[in-house]
């Protein structure tokens, strides 16, 4: 019950209000940075200061590269001078660097999520089949990327990539794979200074989330359903896609969302492994803070907050769907 009963003692009443006030303070502490940063993305001046001198969409125009030519800048300046608009969001041309980093982040996040989801689901299903020798060790290895500090992981991957990349590039050159990828995508495949290396690195960070969520889903899964499908003549592959997959898909999607968020927000591995052409959005924000402070960083942060809210809503819907499926199964 959310309300106090009429017979509550003074101590119970004190705990009731202390607990709620404490939770409110913790919640405010968590969302205070968002409350402070997001409004600065609408500041008309290139400063992180309060009070703001005016409202402007300038930094969102910069983020989306909406002032890419001098003609656009001149048109907005003319409309501003004529009084048609109260704010000029295009005082100068934009470079488009933010959109290119968003593109890299999306590419890396999507492919690393697909890889992590596939491998993590297979591993979780294998671990949930029963006991076998070394099961605890395998689980510890799969979960270790969540425990080991990212700096250590980044350093280890950097030296591993540096040692393995020449041999990999030589193999791809000898087999003609590099010629094919250069023709189709305009770039060679490799581990260092390439998006493929980032995809593999981010997949290692996403696999533990998929393993945990799918394993938790498999705990409540009734294996008798699979046995019934097999006894009726279904193949193992068909029984997986027709019986197992629809029931564990909430756990798979939840793990995939965690893997996507982890990849999209990750910056430490990118600092060690990415080259100048493979900058992701978090890497660009990190560079913007250190090299050229701009409120465009606040605009990027605001968009990331919106993305996080959308993903949390999706995860909540998946959680409720999973509860309904477990209720039907039981």
Protein backbone atom coordinates (compact mmCIF):
# COMPACT_ATOMS: atom_id res chain seq x y z
CA UNK A 1 0.00 0.00 0.00
CA UNK A 2 1.25 3.47 -0.86
CA UNK A 3 -0.67 5.28 1.94
CA UNK A 4 -0.06 4.99 5.65
CA UNK A 5 -2.62 3.00 7.64
CA UNK A 6 -4.46 5.01 10.32
CA UNK A 7 -2.95 2.90 13.09
CA UNK A 8 0.70 3.60 12.04
CA UNK A 9 3.05 4.46 14.89
CA UNK A 10 5.12 7.69 14.94
CA UNK A 11 8.21 5.67 14.05
CA UNK A 12 6.47 4.13 11.03
CA UNK A 13 5.29 7.56 9.94
CA UNK A 14 8.81 8.97 10.25
CA UNK A 15 10.25 6.08 8.21
CA UNK A 16 7.46 6.48 5.62
CA UNK A 17 8.32 10.11 4.89
CA UNK A 18 12.09 9.72 5.32
CA UNK A 19 12.17 6.93 2.77
CA UNK A 20 10.19 8.91 0.19
CA UNK A 21 12.17 12.10 0.70
CA UNK A 22 15.41 10.13 0.35
CA UNK A 23 14.21 8.51 -2.87
CA UNK A 24 13.20 11.93 -4.19
CA UNK A 25 16.63 13.38 -3.41
CA UNK A 26 18.37 10.45 -5.12
CA UNK A 27 16.15 10.86 -8.18
CA UNK A 28 16.89 14.59 -8.31
CA UNK A 29 20.63 13.88 -8.01
CA UNK A 30 20.41 11.53 -11.00
CA UNK A 31 18.43 13.85 -13.28
CA UNK A 32 20.02 17.15 -12.18
CA UNK A 33 22.80 16.97 -14.84
CA UNK A 34 20.15 16.51 -17.53
CA UNK A 35 18.15 19.43 -16.21
CA UNK A 36 21.30 21.58 -16.24
CA UNK A 37 22.76 20.58 -19.63
CA UNK A 38 19.79 20.24 -21.97
CA UNK A 39 18.57 23.88 -21.71
CA UNK A 40 22.08 25.08 -22.62
CA UNK A 41 21.66 23.50 -26.05
CA UNK A 42 19.16 26.29 -26.80
CA UNK A 43 21.47 29.11 -25.74
CA UNK A 44 21.99 31.77 -28.41
CA UNK A 45 25.55 32.43 -27.22
CA UNK A 46 28.49 29.96 -27.47
CA UNK A 47 28.90 29.75 -23.70
CA UNK A 48 27.86 27.28 -21.00
CA UNK A 49 26.48 29.96 -18.69
CA UNK A 50 23.29 30.82 -16.88
CA UNK A 51 21.19 32.86 -17.30
CA UNK A 52 20.97 32.31 -21.06
CA UNK A 53 20.98 35.46 -23.17
CA UNK A 54 18.47 34.15 -25.69
CA UNK A 55 16.79 31.14 -27.31
CA UNK A 56 18.24 29.67 -30.48
CA UNK A 57 18.21 26.48 -32.56
CA UNK A 58 21.74 27.31 -33.71
CA UNK A 59 23.48 24.32 -32.13
CA UNK A 60 20.95 21.82 -33.46
CA UNK A 61 21.43 23.32 -36.92
CA UNK A 62 25.17 22.80 -36.43
CA UNK A 63 24.65 19.21 -35.30
CA UNK A 64 22.47 18.28 -38.30
CA UNK A 65 24.68 20.24 -40.75
CA UNK A 66 21.78 22.42 -41.89
CA UNK A 67 24.04 25.36 -42.79
CA UNK A 68 26.39 23.53 -45.14
CA UNK A 69 26.75 26.23 -47.83
CA UNK A 70 27.30 29.97 -47.95
CA UNK A 71 24.01 30.38 -49.84
CA UNK A 72 22.04 28.96 -46.89
CA UNK A 73 23.95 31.19 -44.46
CA UNK A 74 23.29 34.26 -46.62
CA UNK A 75 19.59 33.42 -46.92
CA UNK A 76 19.15 33.11 -43.15
CA UNK A 77 21.13 36.31 -42.58
CA UNK A 78 18.92 38.18 -45.05
CA UNK A 79 15.74 36.90 -43.39
CA UNK A 80 17.13 37.84 -39.97
CA UNK A 81 18.04 41.36 -41.10
CA UNK A 82 14.59 41.77 -42.65
CA UNK A 83 12.93 40.81 -39.35
CA UNK A 84 11.29 37.67 -40.72
CA UNK A 85 12.92 35.54 -38.02
CA UNK A 86 13.88 36.56 -34.49
CA UNK A 87 16.96 34.34 -34.35
CA UNK A 88 19.60 33.46 -36.92
CA UNK A 89 20.44 29.75 -36.49
CA UNK A 90 23.00 29.86 -39.32
CA UNK A 91 25.57 32.57 -38.59
CA UNK A 92 28.27 30.49 -40.30
CA UNK A 93 28.66 27.33 -42.34
CA UNK A 94 28.68 23.98 -40.57
CA UNK A 95 31.28 21.27 -41.14
CA UNK A 96 29.08 18.18 -41.00
CA UNK A 97 31.50 16.43 -38.65
CA UNK A 98 28.76 15.64 -36.14
CA UNK A 99 26.60 13.78 -38.67
CA UNK A 100 29.58 11.72 -39.84
CA UNK A 101 30.28 10.66 -36.25
CA UNK A 102 26.60 9.76 -35.77
CA UNK A 103 26.81 7.63 -38.91
CA UNK A 104 29.87 5.81 -37.59
CA UNK A 105 28.20 5.29 -34.20
CA UNK A 106 25.06 3.85 -35.76
CA UNK A 107 27.02 1.51 -38.05
CA UNK A 108 29.20 0.22 -35.22
CA UNK A 109 26.29 -0.08 -32.77
CA UNK A 110 24.03 -1.97 -35.20
CA UNK A 111 26.60 -4.51 -36.37
CA UNK A 112 28.10 -5.03 -32.90
CA UNK A 113 24.58 -5.53 -31.51
CA UNK A 114 23.74 -8.11 -34.16
CA UNK A 115 26.98 -9.96 -33.48
CA UNK A 116 26.65 -9.76 -29.70
CA UNK A 117 22.99 -10.82 -29.79
CA UNK A 118 23.69 -13.83 -31.99
CA UNK A 119 26.69 -15.09 -30.04
CA UNK A 120 25.19 -14.22 -26.64
CA UNK A 121 21.94 -16.05 -27.40
CA UNK A 122 23.78 -19.17 -28.54
CA UNK A 123 25.98 -19.07 -25.43
CA UNK A 124 22.99 -18.54 -23.10
CA UNK A 125 21.08 -21.44 -24.60
CA UNK A 126 24.11 -23.69 -24.24
CA UNK A 127 24.59 -22.68 -20.61
CA UNK A 128 20.93 -23.27 -19.80
CA UNK A 129 20.86 -26.83 -21.14
CA UNK A 130 22.29 -28.34 -17.98
CA UNK A 131 25.45 -28.91 -16.00
CA UNK A 132 28.77 -29.69 -17.65
CA UNK A 133 32.42 -29.58 -16.71
CA UNK A 134 33.75 -26.01 -16.65
CA UNK A 135 30.33 -24.34 -16.81
CA UNK A 136 31.23 -21.87 -14.07
CA UNK A 137 34.47 -20.97 -15.81
CA UNK A 138 32.68 -20.41 -19.13
CA UNK A 139 30.11 -18.18 -17.43
CA UNK A 140 32.88 -16.18 -15.74
CA UNK A 141 34.68 -15.67 -19.06
CA UNK A 142 31.48 -14.54 -20.80
CA UNK A 143 30.63 -12.07 -18.03
CA UNK A 144 34.20 -10.81 -17.54
CA UNK A 145 33.92 -7.83 -19.97
CA UNK A 146 31.42 -6.31 -17.50
CA UNK A 147 33.87 -6.68 -14.61
CA UNK A 148 37.27 -5.96 -16.13
CA UNK A 149 37.98 -2.20 -16.31
CA UNK A 150 37.49 -0.85 -19.81
CA UNK A 151 40.97 0.66 -19.86
CA UNK A 152 42.51 -2.79 -19.39
CA UNK A 153 40.27 -4.23 -22.10
CA UNK A 154 41.17 -1.37 -24.44
CA UNK A 155 44.92 -1.78 -23.87
CA UNK A 156 44.69 -5.55 -24.38
CA UNK A 157 42.71 -5.18 -27.59
CA UNK A 158 45.08 -2.50 -28.85
CA UNK A 159 48.13 -4.76 -28.53
CA UNK A 160 46.22 -7.78 -29.87
CA UNK A 161 44.99 -5.82 -32.90
CA UNK A 162 48.47 -4.42 -33.51
CA UNK A 163 49.93 -7.94 -33.54
CA UNK A 164 47.17 -9.62 -35.56
CA UNK A 165 46.36 -6.88 -38.07
CA UNK A 166 49.36 -7.33 -40.44
CA UNK A 167 48.67 -11.05 -40.84
CA UNK A 168 44.95 -10.46 -41.34
CA UNK A 169 45.53 -7.79 -43.97
CA UNK A 170 48.07 -10.03 -45.74
CA UNK A 171 45.56 -12.89 -45.84
CA UNK A 172 42.81 -10.64 -47.20
CA UNK A 173 45.16 -9.17 -49.78
CA UNK A 174 46.21 -12.65 -50.94
CA UNK A 175 42.64 -13.92 -51.17
CA UNK A 176 41.31 -10.80 -52.92
CA UNK A 177 38.91 -9.86 -50.13
CA UNK A 178 40.49 -6.43 -49.77
CA UNK A 179 40.01 -5.75 -53.48
CA UNK A 180 36.33 -6.68 -53.14
CA UNK A 181 35.76 -4.53 -50.06
CA UNK A 182 37.64 -1.61 -51.61
CA UNK A 183 35.51 -1.86 -54.74
CA UNK A 184 32.21 -2.11 -52.86
CA UNK A 185 32.83 0.04 -49.78
CA UNK A 186 35.91 2.09 -50.65
CA UNK A 187 37.98 0.75 -47.74
CA UNK A 188 40.01 -2.29 -46.77
CA UNK A 189 39.08 -4.55 -43.90
CA UNK A 190 41.37 -4.57 -40.91
CA UNK A 191 41.47 -4.48 -37.13
CA UNK A 192 43.35 -1.25 -36.48
CA UNK A 193 41.93 2.04 -37.66
CA UNK A 194 38.76 0.46 -39.05
CA UNK A 195 35.10 0.16 -38.14
CA UNK A 196 35.39 -3.63 -38.22
CA UNK A 197 37.80 -3.53 -35.30
CA UNK A 198 35.38 -1.34 -33.34
CA UNK A 199 32.48 -3.68 -34.14
CA UNK A 200 34.38 -6.69 -32.79
CA UNK A 201 35.51 -4.76 -29.69
CA UNK A 202 32.03 -3.44 -28.91
CA UNK A 203 30.54 -6.89 -29.47
CA UNK A 204 32.71 -8.23 -26.65
CA UNK A 205 31.16 -5.60 -24.36
CA UNK A 206 27.62 -6.41 -25.46
CA UNK A 207 27.76 -10.21 -25.19
CA UNK A 208 27.53 -10.29 -21.35
CA UNK A 209 24.27 -8.31 -21.38
CA UNK A 210 22.71 -10.70 -23.88
CA UNK A 211 23.93 -13.75 -21.96
CA UNK A 212 22.44 -12.45 -18.70
CA UNK A 213 19.04 -11.46 -20.10
CA UNK A 214 18.57 -14.56 -22.25
CA UNK A 215 19.73 -16.85 -19.43
CA UNK A 216 17.21 -15.21 -17.09
CA UNK A 217 14.50 -15.80 -19.69
CA UNK A 218 15.51 -19.42 -20.18
CA UNK A 219 15.13 -20.08 -16.43
CA UNK A 220 11.35 -19.79 -16.72
CA UNK A 221 11.22 -21.54 -20.10
CA UNK A 222 9.43 -24.89 -20.15
CA UNK A 223 11.69 -27.36 -21.94
CA UNK A 224 8.77 -29.78 -22.28
CA UNK A 225 7.46 -27.60 -25.10
CA UNK A 226 10.59 -28.33 -27.13
CA UNK A 227 10.40 -32.03 -26.32
CA UNK A 228 6.77 -32.08 -27.45
CA UNK A 229 7.69 -30.39 -30.73
CA UNK A 230 10.51 -32.87 -31.35
CA UNK A 231 8.26 -35.84 -30.52
CA UNK A 232 5.79 -34.60 -33.13
CA UNK A 233 8.43 -34.75 -35.84
CA UNK A 234 9.77 -31.20 -35.83
CA UNK A 235 13.47 -30.67 -36.51
CA UNK A 236 15.63 -28.96 -33.86
CA UNK A 237 15.98 -25.86 -36.03
CA UNK A 238 12.25 -25.65 -36.71
CA UNK A 239 11.39 -26.23 -33.05
CA UNK A 240 13.75 -23.40 -32.07
CA UNK A 241 12.18 -20.85 -34.42
CA UNK A 242 8.59 -21.99 -33.84
CA UNK A 243 8.66 -22.72 -30.09
CA UNK A 244 11.74 -21.42 -28.29
CA UNK A 245 12.43 -18.18 -30.13
CA UNK A 246 8.96 -16.58 -29.73
CA UNK A 247 9.07 -17.19 -25.96
CA UNK A 248 12.61 -15.92 -25.33
CA UNK A 249 12.47 -13.01 -27.77
CA UNK A 250 11.81 -10.44 -24.99
CA UNK A 251 15.10 -11.44 -23.33
CA UNK A 252 16.92 -11.35 -26.67
CA UNK A 253 15.63 -7.88 -27.49
CA UNK A 254 16.38 -6.61 -23.99
CA UNK A 255 19.95 -7.86 -24.22
CA UNK A 256 20.24 -6.41 -27.71
CA UNK A 257 19.09 -3.01 -26.47
CA UNK A 258 21.63 -3.08 -23.66
CA UNK A 259 24.33 -4.04 -26.18
CA UNK A 260 23.25 -1.22 -28.51
CA UNK A 261 23.31 1.38 -25.73
CA UNK A 262 26.70 0.15 -24.52
CA UNK A 263 28.18 0.42 -28.00
CA UNK A 264 26.58 3.77 -28.83
CA UNK A 265 27.81 5.40 -25.61
CA UNK A 266 31.26 3.80 -25.43
CA UNK A 267 34.31 6.07 -25.74
CA UNK A 268 37.32 4.40 -24.09
CA UNK A 269 37.75 1.64 -26.68
CA UNK A 270 37.31 4.20 -29.44
CA UNK A 271 40.10 6.35 -27.99
CA UNK A 272 42.49 3.39 -28.20
CA UNK A 273 41.35 1.63 -31.38
CA UNK A 274 39.80 4.17 -33.77
CA UNK A 275 41.60 6.36 -36.27
CA UNK A 276 40.70 9.91 -37.35
CA UNK A 277 38.15 8.62 -39.87
CA UNK A 278 36.40 6.32 -37.40
CA UNK A 279 35.32 8.88 -34.83
CA UNK A 280 32.06 8.06 -33.10
CA UNK A 281 29.66 10.51 -31.47
CA UNK A 282 30.96 10.00 -27.89
CA UNK A 283 34.53 10.39 -29.21
CA UNK A 284 33.58 13.66 -30.91
CA UNK A 285 31.90 14.92 -27.73
CA UNK A 286 35.01 14.02 -25.74
CA UNK A 287 37.20 15.87 -28.23
CA UNK A 288 34.83 18.84 -28.20
CA UNK A 289 35.18 19.20 -24.47
CA UNK A 290 38.99 19.04 -24.62
CA UNK A 291 39.76 20.85 -27.89
CA UNK A 292 36.95 23.22 -28.87
CA UNK A 293 34.19 23.79 -26.36
CA UNK A 294 30.87 24.26 -28.14
CA UNK A 295 27.21 24.12 -27.04
CA UNK A 296 26.72 21.64 -29.90
CA UNK A 297 27.87 19.10 -27.32
CA UNK A 298 24.80 20.02 -25.25
CA UNK A 299 22.60 19.54 -28.33
CA UNK A 300 24.13 16.10 -28.87
CA UNK A 301 23.56 15.31 -25.19
CA UNK A 302 19.90 16.33 -25.48
CA UNK A 303 19.40 14.04 -28.46
CA UNK A 304 21.06 11.18 -26.59
CA UNK A 305 18.69 11.76 -23.67
CA UNK A 306 15.72 11.47 -26.04
CA UNK A 307 17.20 8.26 -27.49
CA UNK A 308 17.69 6.83 -24.01
CA UNK A 309 14.08 7.62 -23.05
CA UNK A 310 12.79 5.90 -26.19
CA UNK A 311 14.92 2.83 -25.52
CA UNK A 312 13.75 2.66 -21.88
CA UNK A 313 10.12 2.77 -23.06
CA UNK A 314 10.83 -0.06 -25.50
CA UNK A 315 12.51 -2.11 -22.77
CA UNK A 316 9.54 -1.60 -20.45
CA UNK A 317 7.15 -2.74 -23.19
CA UNK A 318 9.30 -5.83 -23.76
CA UNK A 319 9.32 -6.55 -20.03
CA UNK A 320 5.55 -6.41 -19.88
CA UNK A 321 5.28 -8.63 -22.96
CA UNK A 322 7.58 -11.15 -21.31
CA UNK A 323 5.44 -11.17 -18.17
CA UNK A 324 2.31 -11.79 -20.26
CA UNK A 325 3.99 -14.67 -22.10
CA UNK A 326 5.11 -16.25 -18.82
CA UNK A 327 1.58 -15.86 -17.48
CA UNK A 328 0.13 -17.61 -20.54
CA UNK A 329 2.74 -20.36 -20.26
CA UNK A 330 2.06 -20.98 -16.62
